[in-house]
Amino acid sequence: MARIAGVNLPKNKRVEVALTYIFGIGRSTSKVLLNRLKIDLDTKVENLTADEEQKIRDAVSEFVTEGDLKRQVGDDIKRLQEIGSYRGFRHRRHLPARGQRTKTNARTKRGKKKTMGSGKLKVAKK
């Protein structure tokens, strides 16, 4: 099992996909990185040589990943909240910050709520 940037990569996956287990590296970045290192995208992690693993480690260390990136993102959100921006306010209230609608959807951000009904008043019986 290869350990890169403090993350154990799954040995039965292709290198291109396994690199996405590192926070801050997605599919496109992993493709660019592996093409630059001239490593086949279809190679399984368990079939990587020690030299190839070291090349990947060195290349990944050039990127901001894992704990440093999470800290940076958290600091950015904290800064938005401190300056009182609209986006900071939305983050503070745990609401979508990028203009999505909240009347419907946004369940993961707002949490599951009780339904309120259609809004029509019931007709009183005489």
N, C-alpha and C. Protein backbone atom coordinates (compact mmCIF):
# COMPACT_ATOMS: atom_id res chain seq x y z
N MET A 1 0.85 -1.18 0.00
CA MET A 1 0.00 0.00 0.00
C MET A 1 0.89 1.24 0.00
N ALA A 2 0.70 2.10 -0.97
CA ALA A 2 1.50 3.32 -1.10
C ALA A 2 0.95 4.39 -0.17
N ARG A 3 1.84 5.09 0.50
CA ARG A 3 1.44 6.19 1.37
C ARG A 3 2.00 7.47 0.78
N ILE A 4 1.09 8.34 0.32
CA ILE A 4 1.50 9.60 -0.31
C ILE A 4 0.73 10.73 0.36
N ALA A 5 1.43 11.75 0.77
CA ALA A 5 0.85 12.94 1.42
C ALA A 5 0.05 12.56 2.66
N GLY A 6 0.50 11.52 3.37
CA GLY A 6 -0.17 11.10 4.60
C GLY A 6 -1.44 10.30 4.38
N VAL A 7 -1.67 9.83 3.15
CA VAL A 7 -2.87 9.06 2.83
C VAL A 7 -2.46 7.71 2.28
N ASN A 8 -3.06 6.65 2.81
CA ASN A 8 -2.82 5.32 2.26
C ASN A 8 -3.68 5.14 1.02
N LEU A 9 -3.03 4.94 -0.12
CA LEU A 9 -3.77 4.75 -1.37
C LEU A 9 -4.21 3.29 -1.47
N PRO A 10 -5.45 3.03 -1.91
CA PRO A 10 -5.91 1.64 -2.05
C PRO A 10 -5.12 0.94 -3.15
N LYS A 11 -4.60 -0.24 -2.84
CA LYS A 11 -3.68 -0.90 -3.78
C LYS A 11 -4.37 -1.55 -4.97
N ASN A 12 -5.68 -1.82 -4.88
CA ASN A 12 -6.36 -2.49 -6.00
C ASN A 12 -6.95 -1.53 -7.01
N LYS A 13 -6.74 -0.21 -6.85
CA LYS A 13 -7.29 0.79 -7.78
C LYS A 13 -6.22 1.26 -8.75
N ARG A 14 -6.70 1.87 -9.86
CA ARG A 14 -5.78 2.48 -10.81
C ARG A 14 -5.17 3.72 -10.17
N VAL A 15 -3.95 4.05 -10.57
CA VAL A 15 -3.23 5.18 -9.97
C VAL A 15 -4.00 6.47 -10.16
N GLU A 16 -4.58 6.64 -11.34
CA GLU A 16 -5.33 7.86 -11.66
C GLU A 16 -6.45 8.09 -10.65
N VAL A 17 -7.16 7.03 -10.29
CA VAL A 17 -8.28 7.13 -9.36
C VAL A 17 -7.77 7.18 -7.92
N ALA A 18 -6.75 6.41 -7.61
CA ALA A 18 -6.23 6.33 -6.24
C ALA A 18 -5.70 7.69 -5.77
N LEU A 19 -5.12 8.47 -6.67
CA LEU A 19 -4.60 9.78 -6.27
C LEU A 19 -5.71 10.73 -5.84
N THR A 20 -6.95 10.47 -6.28
CA THR A 20 -8.05 11.34 -5.89
C THR A 20 -8.44 11.14 -4.43
N TYR A 21 -7.90 10.13 -3.76
CA TYR A 21 -8.15 9.93 -2.33
C TYR A 21 -7.43 11.00 -1.51
N ILE A 22 -6.49 11.70 -2.13
CA ILE A 22 -5.77 12.79 -1.46
C ILE A 22 -6.62 14.04 -1.60
N PHE A 23 -6.94 14.69 -0.47
CA PHE A 23 -7.76 15.89 -0.48
C PHE A 23 -7.01 17.00 -1.21
N GLY A 24 -7.61 17.53 -2.27
CA GLY A 24 -6.98 18.58 -3.05
C GLY A 24 -6.51 18.12 -4.41
N ILE A 25 -6.62 16.82 -4.69
CA ILE A 25 -6.25 16.29 -5.99
C ILE A 25 -7.45 15.57 -6.57
N GLY A 26 -7.92 16.05 -7.72
CA GLY A 26 -9.05 15.44 -8.41
C GLY A 26 -8.59 14.66 -9.62
N ARG A 27 -9.56 14.26 -10.44
CA ARG A 27 -9.24 13.43 -11.61
C ARG A 27 -8.36 14.19 -12.61
N SER A 28 -8.71 15.44 -12.89
CA SER A 28 -7.95 16.17 -13.91
C SER A 28 -6.52 16.43 -13.44
N THR A 29 -6.35 16.78 -12.17
CA THR A 29 -5.01 17.04 -11.64
C THR A 29 -4.18 15.76 -11.65
N SER A 30 -4.79 14.63 -11.29
CA SER A 30 -4.04 13.38 -11.28
C SER A 30 -3.63 12.97 -12.68
N LYS A 31 -4.50 13.22 -13.69
CA LYS A 31 -4.15 12.91 -15.08
C LYS A 31 -2.96 13.74 -15.53
N VAL A 32 -3.01 15.05 -15.26
CA VAL A 32 -1.93 15.94 -15.66
C VAL A 32 -0.62 15.53 -14.99
N LEU A 33 -0.70 15.23 -13.70
CA LEU A 33 0.47 14.86 -12.92
C LEU A 33 1.10 13.57 -13.46
N LEU A 34 0.28 12.54 -13.71
CA LEU A 34 0.80 11.26 -14.18
C LEU A 34 1.33 11.36 -15.61
N ASN A 35 0.70 12.16 -16.45
CA ASN A 35 1.21 12.35 -17.81
C ASN A 35 2.55 13.06 -17.79
N ARG A 36 2.69 14.03 -16.87
CA ARG A 36 3.97 14.75 -16.75
C ARG A 36 5.07 13.82 -16.27
N LEU A 37 4.73 12.86 -15.41
CA LEU A 37 5.73 11.91 -14.89
C LEU A 37 5.91 10.70 -15.81
N LYS A 38 5.11 10.64 -16.88
CA LYS A 38 5.15 9.53 -17.85
C LYS A 38 4.87 8.18 -17.18
N ILE A 39 3.82 8.18 -16.34
CA ILE A 39 3.35 6.95 -15.70
C ILE A 39 2.00 6.62 -16.32
N ASP A 40 1.81 5.34 -16.69
CA ASP A 40 0.56 4.92 -17.32
C ASP A 40 -0.60 5.08 -16.36
N LEU A 41 -1.71 5.65 -16.85
CA LEU A 41 -2.88 5.91 -16.01
C LEU A 41 -3.55 4.62 -15.54
N ASP A 42 -3.40 3.54 -16.32
CA ASP A 42 -4.07 2.28 -16.00
C ASP A 42 -3.30 1.40 -15.04
N THR A 43 -2.11 1.82 -14.62
CA THR A 43 -1.31 1.03 -13.69
C THR A 43 -2.00 0.97 -12.34
N LYS A 44 -2.04 -0.22 -11.75
CA LYS A 44 -2.59 -0.38 -10.41
C LYS A 44 -1.55 0.11 -9.40
N VAL A 45 -2.00 0.55 -8.24
CA VAL A 45 -1.11 1.09 -7.22
C VAL A 45 -0.14 0.01 -6.74
N GLU A 46 -0.62 -1.23 -6.63
CA GLU A 46 0.25 -2.31 -6.16
C GLU A 46 1.37 -2.63 -7.15
N ASN A 47 1.20 -2.24 -8.42
CA ASN A 47 2.22 -2.52 -9.44
C ASN A 47 3.21 -1.38 -9.65
N LEU A 48 3.07 -0.31 -8.87
CA LEU A 48 4.01 0.82 -8.97
C LEU A 48 5.37 0.42 -8.42
N THR A 49 6.41 0.87 -9.07
CA THR A 49 7.76 0.62 -8.54
C THR A 49 8.05 1.67 -7.47
N ALA A 50 9.06 1.41 -6.67
CA ALA A 50 9.44 2.34 -5.60
C ALA A 50 9.87 3.68 -6.19
N ASP A 51 10.52 3.63 -7.36
CA ASP A 51 10.96 4.86 -8.02
C ASP A 51 9.76 5.70 -8.47
N GLU A 52 8.74 5.03 -9.04
CA GLU A 52 7.54 5.74 -9.48
C GLU A 52 6.79 6.34 -8.29
N GLU A 53 6.71 5.58 -7.18
CA GLU A 53 6.07 6.11 -5.98
C GLU A 53 6.76 7.38 -5.50
N GLN A 54 8.09 7.36 -5.51
CA GLN A 54 8.85 8.52 -5.05
C GLN A 54 8.63 9.72 -5.98
N LYS A 55 8.56 9.47 -7.28
CA LYS A 55 8.28 10.55 -8.24
C LYS A 55 6.92 11.18 -7.94
N ILE A 56 5.91 10.33 -7.68
CA ILE A 56 4.57 10.83 -7.39
C ILE A 56 4.58 11.63 -6.10
N ARG A 57 5.28 11.11 -5.06
CA ARG A 57 5.38 11.83 -3.78
C ARG A 57 5.96 13.22 -3.98
N ASP A 58 7.05 13.30 -4.76
CA ASP A 58 7.70 14.60 -5.00
C ASP A 58 6.76 15.55 -5.75
N ALA A 59 6.03 15.02 -6.75
CA ALA A 59 5.14 15.85 -7.55
C ALA A 59 3.95 16.34 -6.71
N VAL A 60 3.41 15.48 -5.86
CA VAL A 60 2.25 15.85 -5.04
C VAL A 60 2.66 16.88 -3.98
N SER A 61 3.90 16.82 -3.53
CA SER A 61 4.35 17.76 -2.50
C SER A 61 4.38 19.21 -3.01
N GLU A 62 4.35 19.40 -4.33
CA GLU A 62 4.30 20.75 -4.90
C GLU A 62 2.92 21.38 -4.74
N PHE A 63 1.88 20.55 -4.54
CA PHE A 63 0.51 21.04 -4.39
C PHE A 63 0.20 21.26 -2.91
N VAL A 64 -0.76 22.14 -2.65
CA VAL A 64 -1.29 22.30 -1.29
C VAL A 64 -2.37 21.24 -1.12
N THR A 65 -2.17 20.29 -0.19
CA THR A 65 -3.10 19.19 -0.03
C THR A 65 -3.40 18.95 1.44
N GLU A 66 -4.38 18.07 1.67
CA GLU A 66 -4.76 17.57 2.99
C GLU A 66 -4.91 18.65 4.05
N GLY A 67 -4.21 18.56 5.16
CA GLY A 67 -4.41 19.44 6.31
C GLY A 67 -4.18 20.91 6.00
N ASP A 68 -3.14 21.21 5.21
CA ASP A 68 -2.86 22.61 4.86
C ASP A 68 -3.99 23.21 4.05
N LEU A 69 -4.53 22.44 3.10
CA LEU A 69 -5.62 22.93 2.26
C LEU A 69 -6.90 23.10 3.08
N LYS A 70 -7.19 22.14 3.96
CA LYS A 70 -8.38 22.25 4.81
C LYS A 70 -8.28 23.47 5.72
N ARG A 71 -7.08 23.71 6.25
CA ARG A 71 -6.86 24.89 7.11
C ARG A 71 -7.05 26.17 6.30
N GLN A 72 -6.55 26.18 5.08
CA GLN A 72 -6.66 27.36 4.21
C GLN A 72 -8.13 27.65 3.88
N VAL A 73 -8.88 26.61 3.56
CA VAL A 73 -10.31 26.79 3.25
C VAL A 73 -11.06 27.29 4.48
N GLY A 74 -10.74 26.71 5.65
CA GLY A 74 -11.39 27.14 6.89
C GLY A 74 -11.07 28.59 7.21
N ASP A 75 -9.81 29.00 6.98
CA ASP A 75 -9.42 30.39 7.21
C ASP A 75 -10.15 31.34 6.27
N ASP A 76 -10.33 30.91 5.02
CA ASP A 76 -11.04 31.74 4.05
C ASP A 76 -12.48 31.96 4.48
N ILE A 77 -13.13 30.89 4.95
CA ILE A 77 -14.52 31.01 5.40
C ILE A 77 -14.60 31.90 6.64
N LYS A 78 -13.65 31.72 7.56
CA LYS A 78 -13.61 32.53 8.77
C LYS A 78 -13.42 34.01 8.44
N ARG A 79 -12.57 34.29 7.44
CA ARG A 79 -12.34 35.67 7.02
C ARG A 79 -13.62 36.29 6.46
N LEU A 80 -14.35 35.52 5.64
CA LEU A 80 -15.61 36.02 5.08
C LEU A 80 -16.61 36.33 6.20
N GLN A 81 -16.63 35.50 7.23
CA GLN A 81 -17.55 35.74 8.34
C GLN A 81 -17.16 36.97 9.13
N GLU A 82 -15.85 37.16 9.33
CA GLU A 82 -15.38 38.30 10.13
C GLU A 82 -15.63 39.64 9.44
N ILE A 83 -15.49 39.68 8.11
CA ILE A 83 -15.69 40.96 7.43
C ILE A 83 -17.17 41.24 7.20
N GLY A 84 -18.03 40.27 7.53
CA GLY A 84 -19.47 40.50 7.45
C GLY A 84 -20.02 40.43 6.04
N SER A 85 -19.38 39.66 5.17
CA SER A 85 -19.88 39.57 3.81
C SER A 85 -21.13 38.69 3.75
N TYR A 86 -21.84 38.78 2.65
CA TYR A 86 -23.05 37.98 2.46
C TYR A 86 -22.70 36.51 2.48
N ARG A 87 -21.63 36.11 1.80
CA ARG A 87 -21.22 34.70 1.78
C ARG A 87 -20.85 34.21 3.18
N GLY A 88 -20.20 35.07 3.95
CA GLY A 88 -19.86 34.71 5.33
C GLY A 88 -21.09 34.51 6.18
N PHE A 89 -22.09 35.38 5.97
CA PHE A 89 -23.36 35.26 6.68
C PHE A 89 -24.04 33.94 6.33
N ARG A 90 -24.04 33.57 5.05
CA ARG A 90 -24.66 32.32 4.62
C ARG A 90 -23.93 31.12 5.24
N HIS A 91 -22.60 31.18 5.30
CA HIS A 91 -21.84 30.11 5.94
C HIS A 91 -22.20 30.00 7.42
N ARG A 92 -22.31 31.14 8.09
CA ARG A 92 -22.61 31.15 9.52
C ARG A 92 -23.98 30.53 9.81
N ARG A 93 -24.96 30.80 8.92
CA ARG A 93 -26.31 30.28 9.11
C ARG A 93 -26.49 28.88 8.53
N HIS A 94 -25.44 28.28 7.98
CA HIS A 94 -25.47 26.94 7.37
C HIS A 94 -26.48 26.89 6.23
N LEU A 95 -26.39 27.89 5.35
CA LEU A 95 -27.24 27.95 4.17
C LEU A 95 -26.37 27.95 2.92
N PRO A 96 -26.92 27.62 1.75
CA PRO A 96 -26.11 27.64 0.52
C PRO A 96 -25.54 29.03 0.27
N ALA A 97 -24.27 29.10 -0.09
CA ALA A 97 -23.58 30.38 -0.23
C ALA A 97 -23.43 30.81 -1.69
N ARG A 98 -23.86 29.99 -2.63
CA ARG A 98 -23.60 30.31 -4.03
C ARG A 98 -24.86 30.52 -4.85
N GLY A 99 -25.89 31.05 -4.24
CA GLY A 99 -27.06 31.46 -5.00
C GLY A 99 -28.09 30.39 -5.27
N GLN A 100 -27.96 29.20 -4.67
CA GLN A 100 -28.95 28.17 -4.92
C GLN A 100 -30.26 28.51 -4.20
N ARG A 101 -31.36 27.96 -4.69
CA ARG A 101 -32.64 28.21 -4.08
C ARG A 101 -32.75 27.41 -2.79
N THR A 102 -33.54 27.91 -1.84
CA THR A 102 -33.72 27.22 -0.58
C THR A 102 -35.18 26.90 -0.27
N LYS A 103 -36.09 27.39 -1.10
CA LYS A 103 -37.50 27.08 -0.86
C LYS A 103 -37.71 25.57 -0.99
N THR A 104 -37.13 25.00 -2.03
CA THR A 104 -37.08 23.55 -2.16
C THR A 104 -35.61 23.19 -2.29
N ASN A 105 -35.30 21.95 -2.13
CA ASN A 105 -33.91 21.45 -2.19
C ASN A 105 -33.08 22.00 -1.03
N ALA A 106 -31.78 21.97 -1.12
CA ALA A 106 -30.85 22.40 -0.07
C ALA A 106 -31.05 21.59 1.20
N ARG A 107 -31.47 20.33 1.07
CA ARG A 107 -31.74 19.49 2.24
C ARG A 107 -30.46 19.22 3.03
N THR A 108 -29.35 18.96 2.35
CA THR A 108 -28.13 18.62 3.07
C THR A 108 -27.61 19.82 3.85
N LYS A 109 -27.80 21.00 3.34
CA LYS A 109 -27.31 22.20 4.02
C LYS A 109 -28.25 22.62 5.14
N ARG A 110 -29.57 22.57 4.90
CA ARG A 110 -30.53 23.07 5.88
C ARG A 110 -30.97 22.00 6.86
N GLY A 111 -30.82 20.73 6.51
CA GLY A 111 -31.32 19.66 7.36
C GLY A 111 -32.75 19.32 6.99
N LYS A 112 -33.19 18.15 7.39
CA LYS A 112 -34.54 17.73 7.04
C LYS A 112 -35.55 18.43 7.94
N LYS A 113 -36.51 19.10 7.33
CA LYS A 113 -37.52 19.86 8.06
C LYS A 113 -38.87 19.16 7.92
N LYS A 114 -39.81 19.52 8.80
CA LYS A 114 -41.17 19.00 8.67
C LYS A 114 -41.88 19.76 7.56
N THR A 115 -42.71 19.06 6.83
CA THR A 115 -43.46 19.73 5.77
C THR A 115 -44.57 20.56 6.39
N MET A 116 -44.86 21.67 5.77
CA MET A 116 -45.82 22.61 6.32
C MET A 116 -47.18 22.53 5.63
N GLY A 117 -47.31 21.80 4.58
CA GLY A 117 -48.57 21.74 3.86
C GLY A 117 -48.52 22.69 2.66
N SER A 118 -49.62 22.78 1.96
CA SER A 118 -49.64 23.55 0.72
C SER A 118 -49.79 25.04 0.95
N GLY A 119 -50.18 25.46 2.13
CA GLY A 119 -50.37 26.88 2.40
C GLY A 119 -51.81 27.31 2.28
N LYS A 120 -52.68 26.42 1.76
CA LYS A 120 -54.11 26.75 1.63
C LYS A 120 -54.79 26.55 2.97
N LEU A 121 -55.70 27.41 3.25
CA LEU A 121 -56.46 27.29 4.49
C LEU A 121 -57.57 26.26 4.30
N LYS A 122 -57.84 25.48 5.34
CA LYS A 122 -58.93 24.50 5.28
C LYS A 122 -60.26 25.24 5.33
N VAL A 123 -61.20 24.78 4.56
CA VAL A 123 -62.54 25.38 4.56
C VAL A 123 -63.26 24.94 5.83
N ALA A 124 -63.77 25.92 6.57
CA ALA A 124 -64.47 25.61 7.81
C ALA A 124 -65.81 24.96 7.52
N LYS A 125 -66.12 23.89 8.26
CA LYS A 125 -67.42 23.21 8.07
C LYS A 125 -68.51 23.95 8.82
N LYS A 126 -69.71 24.04 8.21
CA LYS A 126 -70.83 24.75 8.84
C LYS A 126 -71.76 23.80 9.53
